[in-house]
N, C-alpha and C. Protein backbone atom coordinates (compact mmCIF):
# COMPACT_ATOMS: atom_id res chain seq x y z
N MET A 1 -2.21 6.58 19.66
CA MET A 1 -2.38 6.41 20.95
C MET A 1 -3.66 7.26 21.32
N ALA A 2 -4.45 6.69 22.21
CA ALA A 2 -5.70 7.17 22.67
C ALA A 2 -5.43 8.13 23.72
N ALA A 3 -5.96 9.28 23.79
CA ALA A 3 -5.89 10.22 25.07
C ALA A 3 -6.77 9.85 26.13
N ASP A 4 -7.83 9.20 25.73
CA ASP A 4 -8.77 8.69 26.72
C ASP A 4 -8.33 7.48 27.49
N PRO A 5 -8.27 7.51 28.77
CA PRO A 5 -7.77 6.52 29.61
C PRO A 5 -8.89 5.46 29.57
N ARG A 6 -10.03 5.62 29.49
CA ARG A 6 -10.93 4.47 29.27
C ARG A 6 -10.80 3.67 28.06
N LEU A 7 -10.54 4.42 26.97
CA LEU A 7 -10.25 3.78 25.75
C LEU A 7 -8.89 2.93 25.82
N ALA A 8 -8.03 3.55 26.48
CA ALA A 8 -6.65 2.87 26.76
C ALA A 8 -6.90 1.46 27.54
N ALA A 9 -7.82 1.58 28.44
CA ALA A 9 -8.12 0.37 29.33
C ALA A 9 -8.83 -0.62 28.37
N ARG A 10 -9.78 -0.10 27.60
CA ARG A 10 -10.45 -1.20 26.72
C ARG A 10 -9.39 -1.73 25.67
N HIS A 11 -8.38 -1.00 25.25
CA HIS A 11 -7.35 -1.58 24.27
C HIS A 11 -6.68 -2.68 25.18
N PHE A 12 -6.37 -2.35 26.28
CA PHE A 12 -5.64 -3.36 27.03
C PHE A 12 -6.29 -4.51 27.36
N THR A 13 -7.48 -4.48 27.66
CA THR A 13 -8.44 -5.66 27.96
C THR A 13 -8.48 -6.52 26.58
N ALA A 14 -8.77 -5.81 25.50
CA ALA A 14 -9.09 -6.57 24.20
C ALA A 14 -7.68 -7.29 23.97
N LEU A 15 -6.59 -6.76 24.15
CA LEU A 15 -5.16 -7.39 23.73
C LEU A 15 -4.89 -8.24 24.85
N THR A 16 -5.38 -8.50 26.00
CA THR A 16 -4.91 -9.49 26.90
C THR A 16 -6.16 -10.36 27.19
N ILE A 17 -7.14 -10.03 27.88
CA ILE A 17 -8.21 -10.86 28.27
C ILE A 17 -9.12 -11.29 27.08
N GLY A 18 -9.38 -10.33 26.20
CA GLY A 18 -10.17 -11.02 25.03
C GLY A 18 -9.51 -11.89 24.27
N LEU A 19 -8.10 -11.61 23.88
CA LEU A 19 -7.55 -12.64 23.19
C LEU A 19 -7.27 -14.04 23.91
N VAL A 20 -7.10 -13.82 25.22
CA VAL A 20 -7.14 -15.15 26.07
C VAL A 20 -8.32 -15.89 25.94
N LEU A 21 -9.44 -15.18 26.13
CA LEU A 21 -10.75 -15.96 26.01
C LEU A 21 -10.85 -16.46 24.68
N ASP A 22 -10.47 -15.85 23.49
CA ASP A 22 -10.63 -16.40 22.23
C ASP A 22 -9.74 -17.72 22.15
N THR A 23 -8.46 -17.50 22.76
CA THR A 23 -7.63 -18.59 22.64
C THR A 23 -8.12 -19.94 23.39
N LEU A 24 -8.66 -19.63 24.55
CA LEU A 24 -9.26 -20.68 25.42
C LEU A 24 -10.48 -21.42 24.54
N ASP A 25 -11.32 -20.64 23.82
CA ASP A 25 -12.36 -21.20 22.89
C ASP A 25 -11.73 -22.10 21.95
N THR A 26 -10.64 -21.72 21.29
CA THR A 26 -10.03 -22.44 20.30
C THR A 26 -9.34 -23.65 21.02
N GLN A 27 -8.61 -23.60 22.00
CA GLN A 27 -8.21 -24.79 22.76
C GLN A 27 -9.23 -25.77 23.20
N GLU A 28 -10.32 -25.23 23.54
CA GLU A 28 -11.31 -26.08 24.10
C GLU A 28 -11.73 -27.05 22.89
N ALA A 29 -11.84 -26.55 21.79
CA ALA A 29 -12.18 -27.39 20.55
C ALA A 29 -11.10 -28.41 20.40
N ARG A 30 -9.87 -27.98 20.78
CA ARG A 30 -8.73 -29.11 20.47
C ARG A 30 -8.60 -29.94 21.67
N GLY A 31 -9.21 -29.91 22.82
CA GLY A 31 -9.26 -30.78 23.99
C GLY A 31 -8.75 -30.29 25.13
N GLY A 32 -8.45 -29.03 25.23
CA GLY A 32 -7.97 -28.59 26.54
C GLY A 32 -7.16 -27.26 26.45
N ALA A 33 -6.89 -26.53 27.65
CA ALA A 33 -6.20 -25.35 27.49
C ALA A 33 -4.59 -25.55 27.63
N ASP A 34 -3.78 -24.91 27.08
CA ASP A 34 -2.33 -24.91 27.13
C ASP A 34 -1.94 -23.71 27.98
N GLU A 35 -1.57 -23.94 29.16
CA GLU A 35 -1.05 -22.79 29.96
C GLU A 35 0.10 -21.94 29.33
N ALA A 36 0.88 -22.56 28.62
CA ALA A 36 2.11 -21.85 27.93
C ALA A 36 1.52 -20.86 26.94
N GLU A 37 0.68 -21.33 26.18
CA GLU A 37 0.04 -20.52 25.07
C GLU A 37 -0.75 -19.21 25.74
N ILE A 38 -1.48 -19.50 26.87
CA ILE A 38 -2.15 -18.52 27.45
C ILE A 38 -1.21 -17.40 27.85
N VAL A 39 0.00 -17.84 28.67
CA VAL A 39 1.03 -16.92 29.06
C VAL A 39 1.54 -16.22 27.98
N THR A 40 1.73 -16.89 26.84
CA THR A 40 2.30 -16.11 25.77
C THR A 40 1.39 -15.04 25.16
N VAL A 41 0.16 -15.46 25.03
CA VAL A 41 -0.86 -14.64 24.58
C VAL A 41 -0.96 -13.21 25.43
N ILE A 42 -0.86 -13.40 26.72
CA ILE A 42 -0.90 -12.26 27.63
C ILE A 42 0.26 -11.42 27.48
N ALA A 43 1.43 -12.13 27.55
CA ALA A 43 2.72 -11.38 27.40
C ALA A 43 2.82 -10.51 25.93
N ASP A 44 2.35 -11.27 24.98
CA ASP A 44 2.35 -10.43 23.74
C ASP A 44 1.33 -9.40 23.60
N GLY A 45 0.23 -9.42 24.34
CA GLY A 45 -0.78 -8.33 24.44
C GLY A 45 -0.28 -7.17 25.26
N VAL A 46 0.46 -7.36 26.33
CA VAL A 46 0.99 -6.48 27.13
C VAL A 46 2.11 -5.82 26.41
N ASP A 47 2.98 -6.52 25.64
CA ASP A 47 3.95 -5.94 24.91
C ASP A 47 3.41 -4.98 23.80
N ALA A 48 2.29 -5.53 23.12
CA ALA A 48 1.72 -4.63 22.05
C ALA A 48 1.07 -3.37 22.41
N PHE A 49 0.50 -3.53 23.73
CA PHE A 49 -0.07 -2.29 24.43
C PHE A 49 0.88 -1.38 24.84
N LEU A 50 2.02 -1.74 25.35
CA LEU A 50 3.09 -0.94 25.74
C LEU A 50 3.71 -0.23 24.65
N ARG A 51 3.86 -0.87 23.40
CA ARG A 51 4.38 -0.27 22.28
C ARG A 51 3.55 0.69 21.72
N ALA A 52 2.32 0.51 21.74
CA ALA A 52 1.30 1.48 21.27
C ALA A 52 1.15 2.66 22.17
N TYR A 53 1.34 2.53 23.42
CA TYR A 53 1.00 3.73 24.45
C TYR A 53 2.42 4.25 25.09
N ARG A 54 3.50 3.70 24.63
CA ARG A 54 4.72 4.21 25.16
C ARG A 54 4.97 5.73 24.67
N ARG A 55 5.40 6.42 25.72
CA ARG A 55 5.70 7.84 25.27
C ARG A 55 6.93 7.94 24.40
N PRO A 56 6.92 8.77 23.48
CA PRO A 56 8.20 9.02 22.63
C PRO A 56 9.39 9.37 23.49
N GLY A 57 10.47 8.79 23.29
CA GLY A 57 11.70 9.00 24.04
C GLY A 57 11.93 8.22 25.30
N LEU A 58 10.93 7.25 25.61
CA LEU A 58 11.04 6.46 26.77
C LEU A 58 11.50 5.10 26.19
N SER A 59 12.45 4.31 26.83
CA SER A 59 12.81 3.05 26.50
C SER A 59 11.93 1.96 27.23
């Protein structure tokens, strides 16, 4: 877990927006964006961020 809030924000951005942009690039090559996949990427990124930054003892 990063103590620096700016680094945490960068991690959140990479896990959500960065991966969405990567997914959109991939989908463009396949002929179009799939909204359900984008939503899944965002939800997975948020989940990964929360697991990484959750304080011990919190559920």
